Amino acid sequence: MNTSVIYALAAAALFGASTPLAKLLGTEIPPVLLAGLLYLGSGTGLVLLRLLRDRGWKRSGLSVSEWPWLVGAVVFGGILGPVALMVGLTLTSAATASLMLNLEPVLTAVLAWVVFKENA
């Protein structure tokens, strides 16, 4: 099996496991702290993986014009999104949260198609 497929399946499994776990922990840990801890763990794992894979740290090669897009992705996808997810998990049932999370990729694809005119 292709290693990319294995990585994608592992990422999907970890993401899928994080939501029920977050729902359980959400009663004891504030949502913003929980979101921060989840993404701190993710970031730490990615840094370690990159250090091992690249045998050190190499520049990303991003141009100056790409940095605002990266900052926007970090702010919305890495800060506001997880905080909204954790707050939402405290306010809704597990079944509703599961349905909404399953709609996320579909709605993302529709958004990319309608707003950014992307095609398959």
N, C-alpha and C. Protein backbone atom coordinates (compact mmCIF):
# COMPACT_ATOMS: atom_id res chain seq x y z
N MET A 1 0.85 -1.18 0.00
CA MET A 1 0.00 0.00 0.00
C MET A 1 0.89 1.24 0.00
N ASN A 2 0.46 2.25 -0.71
CA ASN A 2 1.19 3.50 -0.83
C ASN A 2 1.29 4.17 0.55
N THR A 3 2.47 4.70 0.89
CA THR A 3 2.64 5.33 2.21
C THR A 3 1.77 6.57 2.37
N SER A 4 1.48 7.26 1.28
CA SER A 4 0.60 8.43 1.37
C SER A 4 -0.79 8.03 1.82
N VAL A 5 -1.26 6.89 1.35
CA VAL A 5 -2.58 6.40 1.75
C VAL A 5 -2.57 6.05 3.24
N ILE A 6 -1.51 5.44 3.69
CA ILE A 6 -1.39 5.10 5.11
C ILE A 6 -1.39 6.36 5.97
N TYR A 7 -0.65 7.38 5.55
CA TYR A 7 -0.62 8.64 6.28
C TYR A 7 -2.00 9.29 6.31
N ALA A 8 -2.68 9.27 5.18
CA ALA A 8 -4.02 9.87 5.12
C ALA A 8 -5.00 9.13 6.03
N LEU A 9 -4.94 7.81 6.03
CA LEU A 9 -5.83 7.04 6.90
C LEU A 9 -5.50 7.26 8.37
N ALA A 10 -4.23 7.35 8.69
CA ALA A 10 -3.83 7.62 10.08
C ALA A 10 -4.30 9.00 10.52
N ALA A 11 -4.16 9.99 9.64
CA ALA A 11 -4.61 11.34 9.97
C ALA A 11 -6.12 11.37 10.18
N ALA A 12 -6.85 10.68 9.32
CA ALA A 12 -8.31 10.64 9.46
C ALA A 12 -8.72 9.94 10.75
N ALA A 13 -8.03 8.87 11.09
CA ALA A 13 -8.34 8.14 12.33
C ALA A 13 -8.05 9.00 13.56
N LEU A 14 -6.93 9.70 13.55
CA LEU A 14 -6.60 10.56 14.68
C LEU A 14 -7.57 11.72 14.80
N PHE A 15 -7.94 12.32 13.67
CA PHE A 15 -8.91 13.41 13.71
C PHE A 15 -10.26 12.90 14.20
N GLY A 16 -10.66 11.75 13.71
CA GLY A 16 -11.93 11.17 14.14
C GLY A 16 -11.95 10.83 15.62
N ALA A 17 -10.82 10.40 16.14
CA ALA A 17 -10.75 10.06 17.57
C ALA A 17 -10.68 11.30 18.45
N SER A 18 -10.21 12.41 17.90
CA SER A 18 -10.04 13.60 18.73
C SER A 18 -11.37 14.22 19.14
N THR A 19 -12.39 14.10 18.31
CA THR A 19 -13.66 14.75 18.63
C THR A 19 -14.38 14.08 19.81
N PRO A 20 -14.55 12.75 19.82
CA PRO A 20 -15.18 12.14 21.00
C PRO A 20 -14.35 12.36 22.27
N LEU A 21 -13.04 12.32 22.13
CA LEU A 21 -12.19 12.56 23.28
C LEU A 21 -12.35 14.00 23.78
N ALA A 22 -12.41 14.93 22.84
CA ALA A 22 -12.61 16.33 23.22
C ALA A 22 -13.97 16.54 23.87
N LYS A 23 -14.97 15.81 23.40
CA LYS A 23 -16.31 15.92 24.00
C LYS A 23 -16.27 15.44 25.45
N LEU A 24 -15.53 14.37 25.70
CA LEU A 24 -15.40 13.86 27.07
C LEU A 24 -14.62 14.83 27.96
N LEU A 25 -13.54 15.37 27.42
CA LEU A 25 -12.71 16.28 28.21
C LEU A 25 -13.31 17.67 28.33
N GLY A 26 -14.25 18.00 27.44
CA GLY A 26 -14.84 19.33 27.43
C GLY A 26 -15.59 19.69 28.69
N THR A 27 -15.98 18.69 29.45
CA THR A 27 -16.68 18.98 30.70
C THR A 27 -15.72 19.39 31.81
N GLU A 28 -14.45 19.05 31.65
CA GLU A 28 -13.48 19.32 32.71
C GLU A 28 -12.45 20.40 32.34
N ILE A 29 -12.23 20.60 31.06
CA ILE A 29 -11.21 21.55 30.60
C ILE A 29 -11.91 22.64 29.78
N PRO A 30 -11.57 23.91 30.00
CA PRO A 30 -12.18 24.97 29.18
C PRO A 30 -11.89 24.76 27.69
N PRO A 31 -12.84 25.11 26.82
CA PRO A 31 -12.71 24.83 25.39
C PRO A 31 -11.48 25.45 24.74
N VAL A 32 -11.14 26.67 25.12
CA VAL A 32 -9.98 27.33 24.49
C VAL A 32 -8.69 26.60 24.88
N LEU A 33 -8.58 26.21 26.14
CA LEU A 33 -7.40 25.47 26.58
C LEU A 33 -7.33 24.11 25.88
N LEU A 34 -8.46 23.45 25.75
CA LEU A 34 -8.48 22.15 25.09
C LEU A 34 -8.07 22.26 23.62
N ALA A 35 -8.57 23.29 22.94
CA ALA A 35 -8.17 23.51 21.54
C ALA A 35 -6.68 23.77 21.45
N GLY A 36 -6.17 24.57 22.36
CA GLY A 36 -4.74 24.84 22.36
C GLY A 36 -3.91 23.60 22.60
N LEU A 37 -4.35 22.76 23.53
CA LEU A 37 -3.61 21.53 23.81
C LEU A 37 -3.63 20.56 22.63
N LEU A 38 -4.78 20.45 21.98
CA LEU A 38 -4.87 19.57 20.81
C LEU A 38 -3.92 20.01 19.70
N TYR A 39 -3.90 21.30 19.44
CA TYR A 39 -3.05 21.79 18.36
C TYR A 39 -1.59 21.91 18.78
N LEU A 40 -1.33 22.06 20.06
CA LEU A 40 0.05 22.01 20.53
C LEU A 40 0.63 20.62 20.31
N GLY A 41 -0.17 19.60 20.60
CA GLY A 41 0.27 18.23 20.35
C GLY A 41 0.49 17.97 18.87
N SER A 42 -0.41 18.47 18.05
CA SER A 42 -0.27 18.30 16.61
C SER A 42 0.98 19.00 16.08
N GLY A 43 1.18 20.22 16.52
CA GLY A 43 2.35 20.98 16.07
C GLY A 43 3.65 20.35 16.53
N THR A 44 3.67 19.86 17.75
CA THR A 44 4.87 19.20 18.27
C THR A 44 5.19 17.95 17.45
N GLY A 45 4.16 17.18 17.15
CA GLY A 45 4.37 15.98 16.34
C GLY A 45 4.89 16.30 14.95
N LEU A 46 4.34 17.35 14.34
CA LEU A 46 4.80 17.73 13.00
C LEU A 46 6.22 18.26 13.00
N VAL A 47 6.58 19.02 14.03
CA VAL A 47 7.96 19.51 14.13
C VAL A 47 8.93 18.35 14.28
N LEU A 48 8.59 17.40 15.14
CA LEU A 48 9.46 16.23 15.31
C LEU A 48 9.57 15.42 14.02
N LEU A 49 8.45 15.24 13.34
CA LEU A 49 8.47 14.51 12.08
C LEU A 49 9.34 15.21 11.04
N ARG A 50 9.20 16.51 10.97
CA ARG A 50 10.00 17.25 9.98
C ARG A 50 11.49 17.21 10.33
N LEU A 51 11.81 17.33 11.61
CA LEU A 51 13.22 17.27 12.00
C LEU A 51 13.81 15.90 11.68
N LEU A 52 13.05 14.86 11.90
CA LEU A 52 13.54 13.51 11.59
C LEU A 52 13.65 13.28 10.09
N ARG A 53 12.63 13.73 9.36
CA ARG A 53 12.61 13.50 7.92
C ARG A 53 13.69 14.29 7.19
N ASP A 54 13.84 15.56 7.57
CA ASP A 54 14.79 16.43 6.87
C ASP A 54 16.18 16.41 7.49
N ARG A 55 16.32 15.71 8.61
CA ARG A 55 17.60 15.68 9.34
C ARG A 55 18.08 17.10 9.65
N GLY A 56 17.19 17.87 10.21
CA GLY A 56 17.47 19.27 10.52
C GLY A 56 16.32 20.13 10.03
N TRP A 57 16.53 21.41 10.01
CA TRP A 57 15.47 22.33 9.60
C TRP A 57 15.88 23.01 8.31
N LYS A 58 15.03 22.92 7.31
CA LYS A 58 15.28 23.57 6.03
C LYS A 58 14.22 24.64 5.80
N ARG A 59 14.57 25.64 5.04
CA ARG A 59 13.62 26.71 4.72
C ARG A 59 12.48 26.14 3.88
N SER A 60 11.31 26.73 4.05
CA SER A 60 10.13 26.24 3.34
C SER A 60 10.11 26.65 1.88
N GLY A 61 10.74 27.74 1.55
CA GLY A 61 10.75 28.21 0.18
C GLY A 61 9.54 29.06 -0.18
N LEU A 62 8.78 29.52 0.83
CA LEU A 62 7.64 30.38 0.56
C LEU A 62 8.11 31.75 0.10
N SER A 63 7.43 32.28 -0.90
CA SER A 63 7.75 33.63 -1.34
C SER A 63 7.05 34.64 -0.43
N VAL A 64 7.44 35.88 -0.52
CA VAL A 64 6.87 36.93 0.32
C VAL A 64 5.37 37.07 0.08
N SER A 65 4.94 36.89 -1.15
CA SER A 65 3.52 37.03 -1.46
C SER A 65 2.67 35.89 -0.89
N GLU A 66 3.30 34.78 -0.51
CA GLU A 66 2.56 33.65 0.04
C GLU A 66 2.39 33.72 1.55
N TRP A 67 3.16 34.56 2.23
CA TRP A 67 3.09 34.65 3.68
C TRP A 67 1.73 35.12 4.20
N PRO A 68 1.08 36.12 3.59
CA PRO A 68 -0.25 36.50 4.09
C PRO A 68 -1.26 35.35 4.02
N TRP A 69 -1.18 34.53 2.99
CA TRP A 69 -2.07 33.38 2.88
C TRP A 69 -1.79 32.37 4.00
N LEU A 70 -0.52 32.18 4.30
CA LEU A 70 -0.15 31.26 5.37
C LEU A 70 -0.63 31.79 6.72
N VAL A 71 -0.44 33.07 6.96
CA VAL A 71 -0.89 33.67 8.21
C VAL A 71 -2.41 33.56 8.34
N GLY A 72 -3.12 33.81 7.25
CA GLY A 72 -4.58 33.67 7.27
C GLY A 72 -5.01 32.25 7.56
N ALA A 73 -4.32 31.29 6.96
CA ALA A 73 -4.65 29.88 7.22
C ALA A 73 -4.39 29.51 8.67
N VAL A 74 -3.31 30.02 9.23
CA VAL A 74 -2.99 29.73 10.63
C VAL A 74 -4.03 30.36 11.55
N VAL A 75 -4.38 31.61 11.30
CA VAL A 75 -5.33 32.30 12.18
C VAL A 75 -6.71 31.65 12.11
N PHE A 76 -7.21 31.43 10.90
CA PHE A 76 -8.56 30.89 10.78
C PHE A 76 -8.62 29.38 10.99
N GLY A 77 -7.70 28.66 10.38
CA GLY A 77 -7.74 27.20 10.47
C GLY A 77 -7.03 26.62 11.67
N GLY A 78 -6.09 27.36 12.23
CA GLY A 78 -5.31 26.83 13.34
C GLY A 78 -5.64 27.43 14.68
N ILE A 79 -6.35 28.56 14.69
CA ILE A 79 -6.70 29.19 15.97
C ILE A 79 -8.21 29.30 16.12
N LEU A 80 -8.85 30.06 15.24
CA LEU A 80 -10.29 30.29 15.38
C LEU A 80 -11.11 29.02 15.14
N GLY A 81 -10.72 28.22 14.16
CA GLY A 81 -11.46 26.99 13.87
C GLY A 81 -11.48 26.01 15.04
N PRO A 82 -10.33 25.66 15.59
CA PRO A 82 -10.33 24.73 16.72
C PRO A 82 -11.05 25.28 17.96
N VAL A 83 -10.91 26.57 18.22
CA VAL A 83 -11.61 27.15 19.36
C VAL A 83 -13.12 27.07 19.13
N ALA A 84 -13.57 27.40 17.93
CA ALA A 84 -15.00 27.30 17.62
C ALA A 84 -15.48 25.86 17.72
N LEU A 85 -14.66 24.91 17.29
CA LEU A 85 -15.03 23.49 17.40
C LEU A 85 -15.20 23.08 18.85
N MET A 86 -14.26 23.45 19.70
CA MET A 86 -14.33 23.05 21.11
C MET A 86 -15.50 23.73 21.82
N VAL A 87 -15.74 25.00 21.51
CA VAL A 87 -16.89 25.68 22.11
C VAL A 87 -18.18 25.03 21.61
N GLY A 88 -18.23 24.71 20.33
CA GLY A 88 -19.41 24.05 19.77
C GLY A 88 -19.67 22.69 20.39
N LEU A 89 -18.60 21.96 20.68
CA LEU A 89 -18.78 20.64 21.30
C LEU A 89 -19.37 20.74 22.70
N THR A 90 -19.09 21.84 23.37
CA THR A 90 -19.68 22.01 24.71
C THR A 90 -21.16 22.39 24.63
N LEU A 91 -21.59 22.90 23.49
CA LEU A 91 -22.96 23.40 23.36
C LEU A 91 -23.90 22.46 22.61
N THR A 92 -23.39 21.38 22.06
CA THR A 92 -24.22 20.50 21.24
C THR A 92 -24.03 19.04 21.65
N SER A 93 -24.91 18.21 21.15
CA SER A 93 -24.80 16.78 21.44
C SER A 93 -23.73 16.15 20.56
N ALA A 94 -23.29 14.98 20.95
CA ALA A 94 -22.26 14.28 20.18
C ALA A 94 -22.76 13.91 18.78
N ALA A 95 -24.02 13.53 18.68
CA ALA A 95 -24.58 13.14 17.37
C ALA A 95 -24.62 14.33 16.42
N THR A 96 -25.05 15.47 16.92
CA THR A 96 -25.11 16.67 16.08
C THR A 96 -23.71 17.09 15.66
N ALA A 97 -22.77 17.04 16.59
CA ALA A 97 -21.39 17.41 16.27
C ALA A 97 -20.82 16.47 15.22
N SER A 98 -21.12 15.19 15.32
CA SER A 98 -20.63 14.22 14.35
C SER A 98 -21.19 14.51 12.96
N LEU A 99 -22.47 14.82 12.88
CA LEU A 99 -23.07 15.14 11.58
C LEU A 99 -22.45 16.40 10.98
N MET A 100 -22.24 17.40 11.81
CA MET A 100 -21.65 18.64 11.30
C MET A 100 -20.21 18.42 10.84
N LEU A 101 -19.46 17.63 11.57
CA LEU A 101 -18.08 17.36 11.17
C LEU A 101 -18.01 16.55 9.88
N ASN A 102 -18.99 15.67 9.67
CA ASN A 102 -19.02 14.91 8.42
C ASN A 102 -19.41 15.78 7.23
N LEU A 103 -20.10 16.87 7.48
CA LEU A 103 -20.45 17.79 6.40
C LEU A 103 -19.32 18.75 6.06
N GLU A 104 -18.34 18.85 6.93
CA GLU A 104 -17.26 19.82 6.72
C GLU A 104 -16.54 19.64 5.38
N PRO A 105 -16.09 18.44 5.00
CA PRO A 105 -15.40 18.33 3.71
C PRO A 105 -16.31 18.63 2.52
N VAL A 106 -17.57 18.26 2.63
CA VAL A 106 -18.51 18.53 1.54
C VAL A 106 -18.70 20.04 1.37
N LEU A 107 -18.94 20.72 2.48
CA LEU A 107 -19.15 22.16 2.41
C LEU A 107 -17.87 22.90 2.01
N THR A 108 -16.72 22.37 2.40
CA THR A 108 -15.45 22.97 1.98
C THR A 108 -15.29 22.85 0.46
N ALA A 109 -15.64 21.69 -0.08
CA ALA A 109 -15.55 21.51 -1.53
C ALA A 109 -16.52 22.43 -2.27
N VAL A 110 -17.72 22.57 -1.74
CA VAL A 110 -18.70 23.47 -2.36
C VAL A 110 -18.20 24.91 -2.30
N LEU A 111 -17.64 25.30 -1.17
CA LEU A 111 -17.09 26.65 -1.03
C LEU A 111 -15.97 26.89 -2.03
N ALA A 112 -15.07 25.92 -2.18
CA ALA A 112 -13.98 26.06 -3.15
C ALA A 112 -14.51 26.15 -4.57
N TRP A 113 -15.55 25.40 -4.86
CA TRP A 113 -16.13 25.40 -6.20
C TRP A 113 -16.84 26.72 -6.50
N VAL A 114 -17.65 27.19 -5.55
CA VAL A 114 -18.47 28.38 -5.78
C VAL A 114 -17.64 29.66 -5.68
N VAL A 115 -16.87 29.79 -4.61
CA VAL A 115 -16.16 31.04 -4.36
C VAL A 115 -14.87 31.15 -5.18
N PHE A 116 -14.09 30.07 -5.20
CA PHE A 116 -12.78 30.12 -5.84
C PHE A 116 -12.77 29.53 -7.25
N LYS A 117 -13.93 29.09 -7.73
CA LYS A 117 -14.08 28.55 -9.09
C LYS A 117 -13.15 27.37 -9.36
N GLU A 118 -12.93 26.53 -8.34
CA GLU A 118 -12.08 25.36 -8.52
C GLU A 118 -12.88 24.21 -9.11
N ASN A 119 -12.22 23.43 -9.94
CA ASN A 119 -12.83 22.25 -10.55
C ASN A 119 -11.97 21.03 -10.26
N ALA A 120 -12.59 19.88 -10.30
CA ALA A 120 -11.86 18.64 -10.02
C ALA A 120 -10.90 18.30 -11.13
